[in-house]
């Protein structure tokens, strides 16, 4: 797992995602105006992802399952990919808990 800090041409150009070893997105952020804010978001996910109480389990309108990771102040800092079953979502959470805290951060600022 690694965190990718990205910059786009959007009005709020900075965002991040966590991708697994196959390069598939597991978690993504909202967009931020400043690089520092996106970096703080990455660190918040790394810090909070080991605690069960930081996860909000959701079901989409199309029957897929996903989760949000919240910071200590209750703000959503990352949203997961969609999963076809509750078990797949649970497996993804377990992978996040073990792989995200120590993962590397790669900047893709173009």
N, C-alpha and C. Protein backbone atom coordinates (compact mmCIF):
# COMPACT_ATOMS: atom_id res chain seq x y z
N UNK A 1 0.85 -1.18 0.00
CA UNK A 1 0.00 0.00 0.00
C UNK A 1 0.89 1.24 0.00
N UNK A 2 0.44 2.25 -0.74
CA UNK A 2 1.13 3.53 -0.68
C UNK A 2 0.10 4.65 -0.85
N UNK A 3 0.46 5.82 -0.34
CA UNK A 3 -0.37 7.01 -0.48
C UNK A 3 0.16 7.82 -1.65
N UNK A 4 -0.74 8.28 -2.51
CA UNK A 4 -0.37 9.12 -3.63
C UNK A 4 -0.93 10.52 -3.40
N UNK A 5 -0.06 11.50 -3.32
CA UNK A 5 -0.46 12.89 -3.19
C UNK A 5 -0.43 13.48 -4.59
N UNK A 6 -1.59 13.95 -5.07
CA UNK A 6 -1.71 14.36 -6.47
C UNK A 6 -2.10 15.84 -6.59
N UNK A 7 -1.75 16.41 -7.74
CA UNK A 7 -2.16 17.77 -8.08
C UNK A 7 -2.79 17.74 -9.46
N UNK A 8 -3.93 18.42 -9.59
CA UNK A 8 -4.63 18.50 -10.87
C UNK A 8 -4.80 19.98 -11.24
N UNK A 9 -5.57 20.24 -12.27
CA UNK A 9 -5.83 21.61 -12.68
C UNK A 9 -7.15 22.14 -12.10
N UNK A 10 -7.74 21.42 -11.17
CA UNK A 10 -9.01 21.83 -10.55
C UNK A 10 -8.81 23.06 -9.67
N UNK A 11 -9.91 23.72 -9.31
CA UNK A 11 -9.85 24.89 -8.44
C UNK A 11 -9.23 24.54 -7.09
N UNK A 12 -9.53 23.36 -6.61
CA UNK A 12 -8.89 22.81 -5.40
C UNK A 12 -8.06 21.63 -5.88
N UNK A 13 -6.80 21.88 -6.23
CA UNK A 13 -6.04 20.92 -7.04
C UNK A 13 -5.41 19.73 -6.32
N UNK A 14 -5.36 19.73 -4.99
CA UNK A 14 -4.65 18.66 -4.29
C UNK A 14 -5.62 17.61 -3.76
N UNK A 15 -5.22 16.36 -3.90
CA UNK A 15 -6.00 15.24 -3.37
C UNK A 15 -5.03 14.11 -3.08
N UNK A 16 -5.54 13.07 -2.45
CA UNK A 16 -4.72 11.89 -2.22
C UNK A 16 -5.56 10.65 -2.37
N UNK A 17 -4.87 9.56 -2.60
CA UNK A 17 -5.50 8.24 -2.60
C UNK A 17 -4.50 7.25 -2.04
N UNK A 18 -5.04 6.19 -1.52
CA UNK A 18 -4.22 5.06 -1.07
C UNK A 18 -4.47 3.94 -2.06
N UNK A 19 -3.41 3.39 -2.61
CA UNK A 19 -3.53 2.32 -3.59
C UNK A 19 -2.81 1.07 -3.07
N UNK A 20 -3.36 -0.08 -3.43
CA UNK A 20 -2.73 -1.34 -3.00
C UNK A 20 -1.55 -1.67 -3.91
N UNK A 21 -0.93 -2.79 -3.65
CA UNK A 21 0.28 -3.17 -4.39
C UNK A 21 0.02 -3.43 -5.87
N UNK A 22 -1.23 -3.67 -6.24
CA UNK A 22 -1.59 -3.86 -7.64
C UNK A 22 -1.94 -2.52 -8.31
N UNK A 23 -1.90 -1.43 -7.55
CA UNK A 23 -2.21 -0.11 -8.09
C UNK A 23 -3.68 0.25 -8.06
N UNK A 24 -4.50 -0.57 -7.40
CA UNK A 24 -5.93 -0.31 -7.34
C UNK A 24 -6.25 0.63 -6.17
N UNK A 25 -7.09 1.64 -6.43
CA UNK A 25 -7.46 2.59 -5.40
C UNK A 25 -8.28 1.91 -4.31
N UNK A 26 -7.88 2.12 -3.05
CA UNK A 26 -8.59 1.58 -1.90
C UNK A 26 -9.31 2.70 -1.16
N UNK A 27 -8.66 3.86 -1.02
CA UNK A 27 -9.24 5.04 -0.36
C UNK A 27 -8.92 6.28 -1.18
N UNK A 28 -9.83 7.25 -1.16
CA UNK A 28 -9.56 8.52 -1.83
C UNK A 28 -10.08 9.66 -0.96
N UNK A 29 -9.52 10.84 -1.20
CA UNK A 29 -9.89 12.02 -0.43
C UNK A 29 -10.80 12.94 -1.23
N UNK A 30 -11.22 13.99 -0.57
CA UNK A 30 -11.84 15.12 -1.26
C UNK A 30 -10.71 15.95 -1.85
N UNK A 31 -11.02 17.05 -2.50
CA UNK A 31 -10.00 17.95 -3.03
C UNK A 31 -9.69 19.04 -2.00
N UNK A 32 -8.44 19.47 -2.02
CA UNK A 32 -7.96 20.49 -1.10
C UNK A 32 -7.34 21.65 -1.87
N UNK A 33 -7.41 22.85 -1.28
CA UNK A 33 -6.79 24.02 -1.91
C UNK A 33 -5.28 24.01 -1.76
N UNK A 34 -4.77 23.46 -0.66
CA UNK A 34 -3.34 23.52 -0.37
C UNK A 34 -2.74 22.12 -0.23
N UNK A 35 -1.50 22.00 -0.67
CA UNK A 35 -0.77 20.74 -0.54
C UNK A 35 -0.64 20.32 0.92
N UNK A 36 -0.39 21.29 1.79
CA UNK A 36 -0.24 20.99 3.22
C UNK A 36 -1.50 20.36 3.80
N UNK A 37 -2.66 20.85 3.36
CA UNK A 37 -3.93 20.29 3.85
C UNK A 37 -4.10 18.84 3.40
N UNK A 38 -3.74 18.55 2.16
CA UNK A 38 -3.82 17.17 1.66
C UNK A 38 -2.85 16.27 2.42
N UNK A 39 -1.65 16.78 2.70
CA UNK A 39 -0.66 16.01 3.47
C UNK A 39 -1.18 15.71 4.87
N UNK A 40 -1.83 16.69 5.47
CA UNK A 40 -2.41 16.46 6.80
C UNK A 40 -3.52 15.42 6.74
N UNK A 41 -4.27 15.40 5.64
CA UNK A 41 -5.30 14.39 5.45
C UNK A 41 -4.71 12.99 5.39
N UNK A 42 -3.61 12.84 4.65
CA UNK A 42 -2.92 11.54 4.58
C UNK A 42 -2.51 11.10 5.97
N UNK A 43 -1.89 12.01 6.72
CA UNK A 43 -1.43 11.66 8.06
C UNK A 43 -2.59 11.34 8.99
N UNK A 44 -3.72 12.01 8.81
CA UNK A 44 -4.90 11.71 9.62
C UNK A 44 -5.41 10.29 9.34
N UNK A 45 -5.45 9.91 8.08
CA UNK A 45 -5.87 8.54 7.74
C UNK A 45 -4.90 7.54 8.35
N UNK A 46 -3.60 7.79 8.19
CA UNK A 46 -2.59 6.87 8.73
C UNK A 46 -2.73 6.72 10.24
N UNK A 47 -3.06 7.80 10.92
CA UNK A 47 -3.19 7.79 12.38
C UNK A 47 -4.49 7.13 12.84
N UNK A 48 -5.60 7.41 12.15
CA UNK A 48 -6.91 7.00 12.63
C UNK A 48 -7.41 5.65 12.10
N UNK A 49 -6.77 5.12 11.06
CA UNK A 49 -7.31 3.93 10.40
C UNK A 49 -7.20 2.65 11.23
N UNK A 50 -6.47 2.68 12.32
CA UNK A 50 -6.34 1.48 13.14
C UNK A 50 -7.48 1.34 14.16
N UNK A 51 -8.29 2.38 14.30
CA UNK A 51 -9.36 2.38 15.31
C UNK A 51 -10.72 2.10 14.67
N UNK A 52 -11.41 1.06 15.16
CA UNK A 52 -12.72 0.70 14.63
C UNK A 52 -13.71 1.86 14.65
N UNK A 53 -13.65 2.70 15.69
CA UNK A 53 -14.62 3.79 15.83
C UNK A 53 -14.44 4.87 14.77
N UNK A 54 -13.37 4.83 13.99
CA UNK A 54 -13.13 5.82 12.95
C UNK A 54 -13.75 5.41 11.60
N UNK A 55 -14.39 4.25 11.54
CA UNK A 55 -14.99 3.75 10.31
C UNK A 55 -16.50 3.94 10.34
N UNK A 56 -17.03 4.42 9.23
CA UNK A 56 -18.47 4.49 9.03
C UNK A 56 -18.79 3.59 7.85
N UNK A 57 -19.59 2.55 8.11
CA UNK A 57 -19.92 1.56 7.08
C UNK A 57 -21.16 2.02 6.34
N UNK A 58 -21.10 1.97 5.00
CA UNK A 58 -22.18 2.51 4.16
C UNK A 58 -22.57 1.50 3.08
N UNK A 59 -23.80 1.70 2.57
CA UNK A 59 -24.27 0.96 1.40
C UNK A 59 -24.76 1.99 0.40
N UNK A 60 -24.34 1.85 -0.84
CA UNK A 60 -24.76 2.79 -1.88
C UNK A 60 -26.15 2.44 -2.39
N UNK A 61 -26.73 3.34 -3.15
CA UNK A 61 -28.07 3.11 -3.69
C UNK A 61 -28.10 1.96 -4.68
N UNK A 62 -26.93 1.59 -5.24
CA UNK A 62 -26.90 0.48 -6.20
C UNK A 62 -26.53 -0.86 -5.55
N UNK A 63 -26.53 -0.89 -4.20
CA UNK A 63 -26.29 -2.14 -3.50
C UNK A 63 -24.83 -2.49 -3.28
N UNK A 64 -23.93 -1.57 -3.59
CA UNK A 64 -22.50 -1.79 -3.33
C UNK A 64 -22.18 -1.28 -1.91
N UNK A 65 -21.06 -1.74 -1.38
CA UNK A 65 -20.68 -1.41 -0.01
C UNK A 65 -19.38 -0.62 0.00
N UNK A 66 -19.30 0.36 0.91
CA UNK A 66 -18.09 1.16 1.04
C UNK A 66 -17.99 1.66 2.47
N UNK A 67 -16.93 2.40 2.76
CA UNK A 67 -16.76 2.95 4.10
C UNK A 67 -16.05 4.29 4.03
N UNK A 68 -16.26 5.08 5.07
CA UNK A 68 -15.54 6.33 5.26
C UNK A 68 -14.61 6.17 6.45
N UNK A 69 -13.48 6.86 6.40
CA UNK A 69 -12.58 6.95 7.55
C UNK A 69 -12.69 8.38 8.07
N UNK A 70 -12.95 8.50 9.37
CA UNK A 70 -13.11 9.82 9.99
C UNK A 70 -11.90 10.14 10.86
N UNK A 71 -11.64 11.43 10.98
CA UNK A 71 -10.58 11.91 11.87
C UNK A 71 -11.13 11.98 13.30
N UNK A 72 -10.27 12.35 14.23
CA UNK A 72 -10.68 12.45 15.63
C UNK A 72 -11.79 13.48 15.83
N UNK A 73 -11.84 14.51 14.97
CA UNK A 73 -12.88 15.53 15.11
C UNK A 73 -14.17 15.17 14.38
N UNK A 74 -14.24 13.97 13.81
CA UNK A 74 -15.46 13.50 13.16
C UNK A 74 -15.58 13.82 11.68
N UNK A 75 -14.59 14.51 11.12
CA UNK A 75 -14.62 14.83 9.69
C UNK A 75 -14.24 13.61 8.86
N UNK A 76 -14.93 13.39 7.76
CA UNK A 76 -14.56 12.33 6.83
C UNK A 76 -13.28 12.76 6.11
N UNK A 77 -12.24 11.93 6.19
CA UNK A 77 -10.97 12.25 5.52
C UNK A 77 -10.71 11.37 4.31
N UNK A 78 -11.40 10.24 4.21
CA UNK A 78 -11.22 9.37 3.05
C UNK A 78 -12.44 8.48 2.88
N UNK A 79 -12.72 8.15 1.62
CA UNK A 79 -13.82 7.27 1.26
C UNK A 79 -13.25 6.11 0.45
N UNK A 80 -13.75 4.93 0.73
CA UNK A 80 -13.22 3.74 0.07
C UNK A 80 -13.78 3.55 -1.33
N UNK A 81 -13.20 2.59 -2.02
CA UNK A 81 -13.76 2.10 -3.27
C UNK A 81 -15.06 1.37 -2.94
N UNK A 82 -15.81 1.01 -3.96
CA UNK A 82 -17.05 0.25 -3.80
C UNK A 82 -16.74 -1.25 -3.83
N UNK A 83 -17.45 -2.00 -3.01
CA UNK A 83 -17.24 -3.44 -2.92
C UNK A 83 -18.57 -4.17 -3.11
N UNK A 84 -18.55 -5.34 -3.76
CA UNK A 84 -19.79 -6.05 -4.06
C UNK A 84 -20.43 -6.74 -2.86
N UNK A 85 -19.68 -6.95 -1.78
CA UNK A 85 -20.25 -7.64 -0.62
C UNK A 85 -19.72 -7.03 0.67
N UNK A 86 -20.44 -7.30 1.74
CA UNK A 86 -20.01 -6.86 3.07
C UNK A 86 -18.67 -7.49 3.41
N UNK A 87 -18.47 -8.75 3.04
CA UNK A 87 -17.20 -9.42 3.34
C UNK A 87 -16.04 -8.76 2.61
N UNK A 88 -16.24 -8.38 1.35
CA UNK A 88 -15.19 -7.69 0.61
C UNK A 88 -14.84 -6.36 1.27
N UNK A 89 -15.86 -5.65 1.74
CA UNK A 89 -15.62 -4.38 2.44
C UNK A 89 -14.85 -4.63 3.73
N UNK A 90 -15.23 -5.65 4.48
CA UNK A 90 -14.54 -6.00 5.72
C UNK A 90 -13.09 -6.36 5.45
N UNK A 91 -12.85 -7.13 4.40
CA UNK A 91 -11.47 -7.49 4.03
C UNK A 91 -10.66 -6.23 3.69
N UNK A 92 -11.28 -5.28 3.00
CA UNK A 92 -10.59 -4.04 2.66
C UNK A 92 -10.24 -3.24 3.91
N UNK A 93 -11.16 -3.17 4.86
CA UNK A 93 -10.89 -2.46 6.12
C UNK A 93 -9.72 -3.11 6.84
N UNK A 94 -9.72 -4.42 6.91
CA UNK A 94 -8.62 -5.12 7.58
C UNK A 94 -7.29 -4.86 6.89
N UNK A 95 -7.31 -4.78 5.57
CA UNK A 95 -6.09 -4.47 4.81
C UNK A 95 -5.63 -3.04 5.11
N UNK A 96 -6.57 -2.11 5.16
CA UNK A 96 -6.23 -0.71 5.48
C UNK A 96 -5.60 -0.64 6.86
N UNK A 97 -6.20 -1.31 7.83
CA UNK A 97 -5.70 -1.25 9.21
C UNK A 97 -4.25 -1.72 9.33
N UNK A 98 -3.89 -2.72 8.54
CA UNK A 98 -2.53 -3.27 8.65
C UNK A 98 -1.53 -2.61 7.71
N UNK A 99 -2.00 -2.08 6.57
CA UNK A 99 -1.07 -1.59 5.55
C UNK A 99 -0.89 -0.08 5.50
N UNK A 100 -1.88 0.67 5.91
CA UNK A 100 -1.82 2.13 5.76
C UNK A 100 -0.91 2.83 6.78
N UNK A 101 -0.93 2.45 8.06
CA UNK A 101 -0.17 3.24 9.03
C UNK A 101 1.31 3.45 8.68
N UNK A 102 1.97 2.48 8.12
CA UNK A 102 3.39 2.62 7.82
C UNK A 102 3.71 2.79 6.34
N UNK A 103 2.71 3.08 5.54
CA UNK A 103 2.95 3.11 4.10
C UNK A 103 3.70 4.37 3.65
N UNK A 104 4.34 4.25 2.52
CA UNK A 104 5.10 5.37 1.94
C UNK A 104 4.14 6.36 1.29
N UNK A 105 4.60 7.60 1.17
CA UNK A 105 3.85 8.65 0.48
C UNK A 105 4.63 9.03 -0.78
N UNK A 106 3.94 8.98 -1.91
CA UNK A 106 4.55 9.33 -3.20
C UNK A 106 3.84 10.57 -3.73
N UNK A 107 4.60 11.58 -4.10
CA UNK A 107 4.02 12.80 -4.65
C UNK A 107 3.95 12.70 -6.17
N UNK A 108 2.79 13.01 -6.73
CA UNK A 108 2.59 13.06 -8.17
C UNK A 108 2.04 14.45 -8.49
N UNK A 109 2.94 15.44 -8.44
CA UNK A 109 2.50 16.82 -8.55
C UNK A 109 2.65 17.42 -9.94
N UNK A 110 3.09 16.60 -10.90
CA UNK A 110 3.15 17.00 -12.29
C UNK A 110 3.99 18.19 -12.53
